């Protein structure tokens, strides 16, 4: 991980402000969902991106029964149906 040299304090409600420079760099705007991960002793914030439930791809997504699937995986599923005939 690369250090930014920016240090912020938590407020009384446990909140921390992400500096505008970092929000601009990652195209994060007000109300954007942010995912929170834990990696060892680190807390990682990541802008949430919807992705394919099978491969994690974030491009060319289709919605089926409120689940997202990329076109490549949809094609593979379609070919499975053809093989089982």
PDB file of N, CA and C in Angstrom:
ATOM      1  N   UNK A   1       0.833  -1.178   0.000  1.00  0.00           N
ATOM      2  CA  UNK A   1       0.000   0.000   0.000  1.00  0.00           C
ATOM      3  C   UNK A   1       0.882   1.248   0.000  1.00  0.00           C
ATOM      4  N   UNK A   2       0.405   2.253  -0.679  1.00  0.00           N
ATOM      5  CA  UNK A   2       1.131   3.522  -0.756  1.00  0.00           C
ATOM      6  C   UNK A   2       0.570   4.494   0.274  1.00  0.00           C
ATOM      7  N   UNK A   3       1.437   5.085   1.067  1.00  0.00           N
ATOM      8  CA  UNK A   3       1.014   6.057   2.073  1.00  0.00           C
ATOM      9  C   UNK A   3       0.743   7.401   1.410  1.00  0.00           C
ATOM     10  N   UNK A   4      -0.342   8.062   1.836  1.00  0.00           N
ATOM     11  CA  UNK A   4      -0.657   9.392   1.317  1.00  0.00           C
ATOM     12  C   UNK A   4      -0.077  10.484   2.200  1.00  0.00           C
ATOM     13  N   UNK A   5       0.281  10.134   3.415  1.00  0.00           N
ATOM     14  CA  UNK A   5       0.772  11.126   4.362  1.00  0.00           C
ATOM     15  C   UNK A   5      -0.347  11.914   5.024  1.00  0.00           C
ATOM     16  N   UNK A   6      -1.594  11.594   4.695  1.00  0.00           N
ATOM     17  CA  UNK A   6      -2.752  12.284   5.261  1.00  0.00           C
ATOM     18  C   UNK A   6      -3.219  11.520   6.492  1.00  0.00           C
ATOM     19  N   UNK A   7      -3.407  12.232   7.582  1.00  0.00           N
ATOM     20  CA  UNK A   7      -3.890  11.608   8.819  1.00  0.00           C
ATOM     21  C   UNK A   7      -5.177  12.307   9.225  1.00  0.00           C
ATOM     22  N   UNK A   8      -6.195  11.524   9.535  1.00  0.00           N
ATOM     23  CA  UNK A   8      -7.490  12.055   9.991  1.00  0.00           C
ATOM     24  C   UNK A   8      -7.861  11.379  11.298  1.00  0.00           C
ATOM     25  N   UNK A   9      -8.618  12.073  12.114  1.00  0.00           N
ATOM     26  CA  UNK A   9      -9.111  11.511  13.380  1.00  0.00           C
ATOM     27  C   UNK A   9     -10.570  11.105  13.230  1.00  0.00           C
ATOM     28  N   UNK A  10     -10.940  10.046  13.957  1.00  0.00           N
ATOM     29  CA  UNK A  10     -12.341   9.640  14.031  1.00  0.00           C
ATOM     30  C   UNK A  10     -13.100  10.665  14.855  1.00  0.00           C
ATOM     31  N   UNK A  11     -14.356  10.927  14.459  1.00  0.00           N
ATOM     32  CA  UNK A  11     -15.175  11.795  15.309  1.00  0.00           C
ATOM     33  C   UNK A  11     -15.860  10.936  16.372  1.00  0.00           C
ATOM     34  N   UNK A  12     -16.694  11.564  17.188  1.00  0.00           N
ATOM     35  CA  UNK A  12     -17.330  10.845  18.298  1.00  0.00           C
ATOM     36  C   UNK A  12     -18.283   9.746  17.852  1.00  0.00           C
ATOM     37  N   UNK A  13     -18.689   9.762  16.578  1.00  0.00           N
ATOM     38  CA  UNK A  13     -19.565   8.707  16.049  1.00  0.00           C
ATOM     39  C   UNK A  13     -18.799   7.646  15.250  1.00  0.00           C
ATOM     40  N   UNK A  14     -17.477   7.733  15.256  1.00  0.00           N
ATOM     41  CA  UNK A  14     -16.656   6.744  14.561  1.00  0.00           C
ATOM     42  C   UNK A  14     -16.476   7.028  13.077  1.00  0.00           C
ATOM     43  N   UNK A  15     -16.766   8.245  12.646  1.00  0.00           N
ATOM     44  CA  UNK A  15     -16.653   8.610  11.230  1.00  0.00           C
ATOM     45  C   UNK A  15     -15.298   9.230  10.934  1.00  0.00           C
ATOM     46  N   UNK A  16     -14.876   9.057   9.692  1.00  0.00           N
ATOM     47  CA  UNK A  16     -13.658   9.687   9.216  1.00  0.00           C
ATOM     48  C   UNK A  16     -13.958  10.281   7.833  1.00  0.00           C
ATOM     49  N   UNK A  17     -13.414  11.446   7.549  1.00  0.00           N
ATOM     50  CA  UNK A  17     -13.638  12.103   6.264  1.00  0.00           C
ATOM     51  C   UNK A  17     -12.551  11.663   5.288  1.00  0.00           C
ATOM     52  N   UNK A  18     -12.963  11.233   4.102  1.00  0.00           N
ATOM     53  CA  UNK A  18     -12.003  10.903   3.044  1.00  0.00           C
ATOM     54  C   UNK A  18     -11.654  12.221   2.343  1.00  0.00           C
ATOM     55  N   UNK A  19     -10.377  12.573   2.290  1.00  0.00           N
ATOM     56  CA  UNK A  19      -9.993  13.849   1.695  1.00  0.00           C
ATOM     57  C   UNK A  19     -10.470  13.990   0.251  1.00  0.00           C
ATOM     58  N   UNK A  20     -10.788  15.217  -0.137  1.00  0.00           N
ATOM     59  CA  UNK A  20     -11.318  15.506  -1.469  1.00  0.00           C
ATOM     60  C   UNK A  20     -10.370  15.039  -2.572  1.00  0.00           C
ATOM     61  N   UNK A  21      -9.066  15.158  -2.339  1.00  0.00           N
ATOM     62  CA  UNK A  21      -8.100  14.729  -3.355  1.00  0.00           C
ATOM     63  C   UNK A  21      -8.239  13.236  -3.652  1.00  0.00           C
ATOM     64  N   UNK A  22      -8.451  12.447  -2.626  1.00  0.00           N
ATOM     65  CA  UNK A  22      -8.607  10.998  -2.803  1.00  0.00           C
ATOM     66  C   UNK A  22      -9.969  10.689  -3.422  1.00  0.00           C
ATOM     67  N   UNK A  23     -11.019  11.387  -2.979  1.00  0.00           N
ATOM     68  CA  UNK A  23     -12.339  11.181  -3.583  1.00  0.00           C
ATOM     69  C   UNK A  23     -12.311  11.520  -5.063  1.00  0.00           C
ATOM     70  N   UNK A  24     -11.650  12.593  -5.434  1.00  0.00           N
ATOM     71  CA  UNK A  24     -11.546  12.957  -6.852  1.00  0.00           C
ATOM     72  C   UNK A  24     -10.756  11.916  -7.640  1.00  0.00           C
ATOM     73  N   UNK A  25      -9.680  11.436  -7.068  1.00  0.00           N
ATOM     74  CA  UNK A  25      -8.831  10.439  -7.734  1.00  0.00           C
ATOM     75  C   UNK A  25      -9.618   9.167  -8.067  1.00  0.00           C
ATOM     76  N   UNK A  26     -10.525   8.774  -7.178  1.00  0.00           N
ATOM     77  CA  UNK A  26     -11.284   7.541  -7.367  1.00  0.00           C
ATOM     78  C   UNK A  26     -12.726   7.799  -7.810  1.00  0.00           C
ATOM     79  N   UNK A  27     -13.018   9.035  -8.200  1.00  0.00           N
ATOM     80  CA  UNK A  27     -14.345   9.403  -8.690  1.00  0.00           C
ATOM     81  C   UNK A  27     -15.440   9.007  -7.696  1.00  0.00           C
ATOM     82  N   UNK A  28     -15.222   9.344  -6.439  1.00  0.00           N
ATOM     83  CA  UNK A  28     -16.191   9.067  -5.376  1.00  0.00           C
ATOM     84  C   UNK A  28     -16.949  10.361  -5.092  1.00  0.00           C
ATOM     85  N   UNK A  29     -18.261  10.280  -5.182  1.00  0.00           N
ATOM     86  CA  UNK A  29     -19.091  11.450  -4.915  1.00  0.00           C
ATOM     87  C   UNK A  29     -20.052  11.141  -3.765  1.00  0.00           C
ATOM     88  N   UNK A  30     -20.716  12.183  -3.282  1.00  0.00           N
ATOM     89  CA  UNK A  30     -21.659  12.037  -2.174  1.00  0.00           C
ATOM     90  C   UNK A  30     -22.676  10.938  -2.479  1.00  0.00           C
ATOM     91  N   UNK A  31     -22.932  10.109  -1.500  1.00  0.00           N
ATOM     92  CA  UNK A  31     -23.909   9.008  -1.548  1.00  0.00           C
ATOM     93  C   UNK A  31     -23.397   7.769  -2.284  1.00  0.00           C
ATOM     94  N   UNK A  32     -22.154   7.776  -2.807  1.00  0.00           N
ATOM     95  CA  UNK A  32     -21.602   6.564  -3.429  1.00  0.00           C
ATOM     96  C   UNK A  32     -21.424   5.489  -2.363  1.00  0.00           C
ATOM     97  N   UNK A  33     -21.748   4.233  -2.674  1.00  0.00           N
ATOM     98  CA  UNK A  33     -21.508   3.156  -1.709  1.00  0.00           C
ATOM     99  C   UNK A  33     -20.016   2.824  -1.636  1.00  0.00           C
ATOM    100  N   UNK A  34     -19.542   2.588  -0.437  1.00  0.00           N
ATOM    101  CA  UNK A  34     -18.141   2.248  -0.192  1.00  0.00           C
ATOM    102  C   UNK A  34     -18.110   0.901   0.530  1.00  0.00           C
ATOM    103  N   UNK A  35     -17.280  -0.023   0.040  1.00  0.00           N
ATOM    104  CA  UNK A  35     -17.113  -1.314   0.708  1.00  0.00           C
ATOM    105  C   UNK A  35     -15.976  -1.202   1.716  1.00  0.00           C
ATOM    106  N   UNK A  36     -16.100  -1.927   2.809  1.00  0.00           N
ATOM    107  CA  UNK A  36     -15.082  -1.934   3.851  1.00  0.00           C
ATOM    108  C   UNK A  36     -14.539  -3.356   3.972  1.00  0.00           C
ATOM    109  N   UNK A  37     -13.227  -3.495   3.828  1.00  0.00           N
ATOM    110  CA  UNK A  37     -12.550  -4.786   3.922  1.00  0.00           C
ATOM    111  C   UNK A  37     -11.559  -4.750   5.074  1.00  0.00           C
ATOM    112  N   UNK A  38     -11.231  -5.911   5.579  1.00  0.00           N
ATOM    113  CA  UNK A  38     -10.151  -6.050   6.544  1.00  0.00           C
ATOM    114  C   UNK A  38      -9.127  -6.994   5.936  1.00  0.00           C
ATOM    115  N   UNK A  39      -7.878  -6.528   5.856  1.00  0.00           N
ATOM    116  CA  UNK A  39      -6.763  -7.339   5.356  1.00  0.00           C
ATOM    117  C   UNK A  39      -5.681  -7.337   6.422  1.00  0.00           C
ATOM    118  N   UNK A  40      -5.589  -8.426   7.161  1.00  0.00           N
ATOM    119  CA  UNK A  40      -4.626  -8.477   8.261  1.00  0.00           C
ATOM    120  C   UNK A  40      -4.952  -7.404   9.279  1.00  0.00           C
ATOM    121  N   UNK A  41      -4.021  -6.480   9.486  1.00  0.00           N
ATOM    122  CA  UNK A  41      -4.245  -5.402  10.459  1.00  0.00           C
ATOM    123  C   UNK A  41      -4.664  -4.099   9.771  1.00  0.00           C
ATOM    124  N   UNK A  42      -5.046  -4.170   8.494  1.00  0.00           N
ATOM    125  CA  UNK A  42      -5.433  -2.976   7.744  1.00  0.00           C
ATOM    126  C   UNK A  42      -6.930  -2.939   7.467  1.00  0.00           C
ATOM    127  N   UNK A  43      -7.485  -1.738   7.459  1.00  0.00           N
ATOM    128  CA  UNK A  43      -8.867  -1.499   7.050  1.00  0.00           C
ATOM    129  C   UNK A  43      -8.789  -0.868   5.665  1.00  0.00           C
ATOM    130  N   UNK A  44      -9.469  -1.460   4.693  1.00  0.00           N
ATOM    131  CA  UNK A  44      -9.411  -0.995   3.312  1.00  0.00           C
ATOM    132  C   UNK A  44     -10.787  -0.513   2.886  1.00  0.00           C
ATOM    133  N   UNK A  45     -10.848   0.690   2.330  1.00  0.00           N
ATOM    134  CA  UNK A  45     -12.079   1.233   1.772  1.00  0.00           C
ATOM    135  C   UNK A  45     -11.999   1.139   0.259  1.00  0.00           C
ATOM    136  N   UNK A  46     -13.096   0.704  -0.373  1.00  0.00           N
ATOM    137  CA  UNK A  46     -13.117   0.555  -1.822  1.00  0.00           C
ATOM    138  C   UNK A  46     -14.462   1.023  -2.349  1.00  0.00           C
ATOM    139  N   UNK A  47     -14.429   1.803  -3.419  1.00  0.00           N
ATOM    140  CA  UNK A  47     -15.682   2.215  -4.037  1.00  0.00           C
ATOM    141  C   UNK A  47     -16.389   0.954  -4.530  1.00  0.00           C
ATOM    142  N   UNK A  48     -17.644   0.816  -4.156  1.00  0.00           N
ATOM    143  CA  UNK A  48     -18.405  -0.370  -4.529  1.00  0.00           C
ATOM    144  C   UNK A  48     -18.685  -0.390  -6.020  1.00  0.00           C
ATOM    145  N   UNK A  49     -18.422  -1.513  -6.653  1.00  0.00           N
ATOM    146  CA  UNK A  49     -18.749  -1.720  -8.061  1.00  0.00           C
ATOM    147  C   UNK A  49     -19.561  -2.996  -8.171  1.00  0.00           C
ATOM    148  N   UNK A  50     -20.683  -2.910  -8.854  1.00  0.00           N
ATOM    149  CA  UNK A  50     -21.464  -4.122  -9.070  1.00  0.00           C
ATOM    150  C   UNK A  50     -20.671  -5.034  -9.993  1.00  0.00           C
ATOM    151  N   UNK A  51     -20.791  -6.363  -9.757  1.00  0.00           N
ATOM    152  CA  UNK A  51     -20.021  -7.298 -10.571  1.00  0.00           C
ATOM    153  C   UNK A  51     -20.765  -8.603 -10.781  1.00  0.00           C
ATOM    154  N   UNK A  52     -20.263  -9.374 -11.719  1.00  0.00           N
ATOM    155  CA  UNK A  52     -20.829 -10.679 -12.061  1.00  0.00           C
ATOM    156  C   UNK A  52     -20.730 -11.614 -10.851  1.00  0.00           C
ATOM    157  N   UNK A  53     -21.812 -12.308 -10.549  1.00  0.00           N
ATOM    158  CA  UNK A  53     -21.811 -13.195  -9.385  1.00  0.00           C
ATOM    159  C   UNK A  53     -20.908 -14.412  -9.583  1.00  0.00           C
ATOM    160  N   UNK A  54     -20.534 -14.702 -10.831  1.00  0.00           N
ATOM    161  CA  UNK A  54     -19.692 -15.874 -11.099  1.00  0.00           C
ATOM    162  C   UNK A  54     -18.208 -15.541 -11.185  1.00  0.00           C
ATOM    163  N   UNK A  55     -17.850 -14.503 -11.966  1.00  0.00           N
ATOM    164  CA  UNK A  55     -16.431 -14.240 -12.212  1.00  0.00           C
ATOM    165  C   UNK A  55     -15.939 -12.917 -11.641  1.00  0.00           C
ATOM    166  N   UNK A  56     -16.836 -12.047 -11.197  1.00  0.00           N
ATOM    167  CA  UNK A  56     -16.427 -10.773 -10.638  1.00  0.00           C
ATOM    168  C   UNK A  56     -16.229  -9.656 -11.646  1.00  0.00           C
ATOM    169  N   UNK A  57     -16.441  -9.924 -12.929  1.00  0.00           N
ATOM    170  CA  UNK A  57     -16.292  -8.916 -13.975  1.00  0.00           C
ATOM    171  C   UNK A  57     -17.252  -7.753 -13.713  1.00  0.00           C
ATOM    172  N   UNK A  58     -16.825  -6.528 -14.029  1.00  0.00           N
ATOM    173  CA  UNK A  58     -17.668  -5.362 -13.800  1.00  0.00           C
ATOM    174  C   UNK A  58     -18.191  -4.755 -15.103  1.00  0.00           C
ATOM    175  N   UNK A  59     -17.883  -5.377 -16.240  1.00  0.00           N
ATOM    176  CA  UNK A  59     -18.266  -4.846 -17.551  1.00  0.00           C
ATOM    177  C   UNK A  59     -19.380  -5.687 -18.178  1.00  0.00           C
ATOM    178  N   UNK A  60     -20.215  -5.064 -18.984  1.00  0.00           N
ATOM    179  CA  UNK A  60     -21.256  -5.755 -19.770  1.00  0.00           C
ATOM    180  C   UNK A  60     -22.149  -6.648 -18.917  1.00  0.00           C
ATOM    181  N   UNK A  61     -22.711  -6.087 -17.854  1.00  0.00           N
ATOM    182  CA  UNK A  61     -23.523  -6.874 -16.920  1.00  0.00           C
ATOM    183  C   UNK A  61     -24.980  -6.924 -17.349  1.00  0.00           C
ATOM    184  N   UNK A  62     -25.582  -8.085 -17.147  1.00  0.00           N
ATOM    185  CA  UNK A  62     -26.997  -8.316 -17.389  1.00  0.00           C
ATOM    186  C   UNK A  62     -27.647  -8.637 -16.043  1.00  0.00           C
ATOM    187  N   UNK A  63     -28.912  -8.286 -15.894  1.00  0.00           N
ATOM    188  CA  UNK A  63     -29.619  -8.593 -14.658  1.00  0.00           C
ATOM    189  C   UNK A  63     -30.574  -9.760 -14.910  1.00  0.00           C
ATOM    190  N   UNK A  64     -30.529 -10.760 -14.029  1.00  0.00           N
ATOM    191  CA  UNK A  64     -31.443 -11.899 -14.106  1.00  0.00           C
ATOM    192  C   UNK A  64     -31.866 -12.242 -12.681  1.00  0.00           C
ATOM    193  N   UNK A  65     -33.157 -12.166 -12.403  1.00  0.00           N
ATOM    194  CA  UNK A  65     -33.685 -12.432 -11.058  1.00  0.00           C
ATOM    195  C   UNK A  65     -32.931 -11.648  -9.984  1.00  0.00           C
ATOM    196  N   UNK A  66     -32.719 -10.367 -10.243  1.00  0.00           N
ATOM    197  CA  UNK A  66     -32.027  -9.467  -9.321  1.00  0.00           C
ATOM    198  C   UNK A  66     -30.574  -9.865  -9.053  1.00  0.00           C
ATOM    199  N   UNK A  67     -29.993 -10.649  -9.922  1.00  0.00           N
ATOM    200  CA  UNK A  67     -28.573 -11.011  -9.843  1.00  0.00           C
ATOM    201  C   UNK A  67     -27.892 -10.501 -11.103  1.00  0.00           C
ATOM    202  N   UNK A  68     -26.619 -10.130 -10.975  1.00  0.00           N
ATOM    203  CA  UNK A  68     -25.874  -9.639 -12.127  1.00  0.00           C
ATOM    204  C   UNK A  68     -24.952 -10.723 -12.663  1.00  0.00           C
ATOM    205  N   UNK A  69     -24.911 -10.817 -13.978  1.00  0.00           N
ATOM    206  CA  UNK A  69     -24.062 -11.795 -14.656  1.00  0.00           C
ATOM    207  C   UNK A  69     -23.496 -11.119 -15.905  1.00  0.00           C
ATOM    208  N   UNK A  70     -22.222 -11.358 -16.187  1.00  0.00           N
ATOM    209  CA  UNK A  70     -21.623 -10.737 -17.362  1.00  0.00           C
ATOM    210  C   UNK A  70     -22.014 -11.546 -18.606  1.00  0.00           C
ATOM    211  N   UNK A  71     -21.858 -10.922 -19.755  1.00  0.00           N
ATOM    212  CA  UNK A  71     -22.264 -11.580 -20.993  1.00  0.00           C
ATOM    213  C   UNK A  71     -21.437 -12.828 -21.272  1.00  0.00           C
ATOM    214  N   UNK A  72     -20.168 -12.818 -20.877  1.00  0.00           N
ATOM    215  CA  UNK A  72     -19.312 -13.992 -21.103  1.00  0.00           C
ATOM    216  C   UNK A  72     -19.829 -15.196 -20.310  1.00  0.00           C
ATOM    217  N   UNK A  73     -20.152 -14.991 -19.029  1.00  0.00           N
ATOM    218  CA  UNK A  73     -20.679 -16.090 -18.205  1.00  0.00           C
ATOM    219  C   UNK A  73     -22.065 -16.511 -18.689  1.00  0.00           C
ATOM    220  N   UNK A  74     -22.875 -15.548 -19.129  1.00  0.00           N
ATOM    221  CA  UNK A  74     -24.196 -15.882 -19.672  1.00  0.00           C
ATOM    222  C   UNK A  74     -24.043 -16.777 -20.892  1.00  0.00           C
ATOM    223  N   UNK A  75     -23.067 -16.481 -21.727  1.00  0.00           N
ATOM    224  CA  UNK A  75     -22.808 -17.320 -22.894  1.00  0.00           C
ATOM    225  C   UNK A  75     -22.376 -18.721 -22.512  1.00  0.00           C
ATOM    226  N   UNK A  76     -21.528 -18.822 -21.482  1.00  0.00           N
ATOM    227  CA  UNK A  76     -21.088 -20.144 -21.014  1.00  0.00           C
ATOM    228  C   UNK A  76     -22.263 -20.944 -20.478  1.00  0.00           C
ATOM    229  N   UNK A  77     -23.165 -20.296 -19.743  1.00  0.00           N
ATOM    230  CA  UNK A  77     -24.342 -20.974 -19.208  1.00  0.00           C
ATOM    231  C   UNK A  77     -25.229 -21.438 -20.355  1.00  0.00           C
ATOM    232  N   UNK A  78     -25.384 -20.576 -21.356  1.00  0.00           N
ATOM    233  CA  UNK A  78     -26.166 -20.948 -22.532  1.00  0.00           C
ATOM    234  C   UNK A  78     -25.583 -22.146 -23.244  1.00  0.00           C
ATOM    235  N   UNK A  79     -24.241 -22.227 -23.321  1.00  0.00           N
ATOM    236  CA  UNK A  79     -23.614 -23.367 -23.998  1.00  0.00           C
ATOM    237  C   UNK A  79     -23.764 -24.639 -23.176  1.00  0.00           C
ATOM    238  N   UNK A  80     -23.878 -24.545 -21.859  1.00  0.00           N
ATOM    239  CA  UNK A  80     -24.112 -25.723 -21.027  1.00  0.00           C
ATOM    240  C   UNK A  80     -25.475 -26.340 -21.356  1.00  0.00           C
ATOM    241  N   UNK A  81     -26.455 -25.489 -21.585  1.00  0.00           N
ATOM    242  CA  UNK A  81     -27.798 -25.961 -21.932  1.00  0.00           C
ATOM    243  C   UNK A  81     -27.749 -26.744 -23.243  1.00  0.00           C
ATOM    244  N   UNK A  82     -26.975 -26.245 -24.214  1.00  0.00           N
ATOM    245  CA  UNK A  82     -26.847 -26.908 -25.506  1.00  0.00           C
ATOM    246  C   UNK A  82     -26.176 -28.265 -25.366  1.00  0.00           C
ATOM    247  N   UNK A  83     -25.174 -28.374 -24.485  1.00  0.00           N
ATOM    248  CA  UNK A  83     -24.444 -29.630 -24.275  1.00  0.00           C
ATOM    249  C   UNK A  83     -25.317 -30.682 -23.604  1.00  0.00           C
ATOM    250  N   UNK A  84     -26.277 -30.271 -22.802  1.00  0.00           N
ATOM    251  CA  UNK A  84     -27.106 -31.215 -22.047  1.00  0.00           C
ATOM    252  C   UNK A  84     -28.327 -31.677 -22.818  1.00  0.00           C
ATOM    253  N   UNK A  85     -28.484 -31.229 -24.057  1.00  0.00           N
ATOM    254  CA  UNK A  85     -29.645 -31.673 -24.851  1.00  0.00           C
ATOM    255  C   UNK A  85     -29.447 -33.057 -25.403  1.00  0.00           C
TER     256      UNK A  85
END
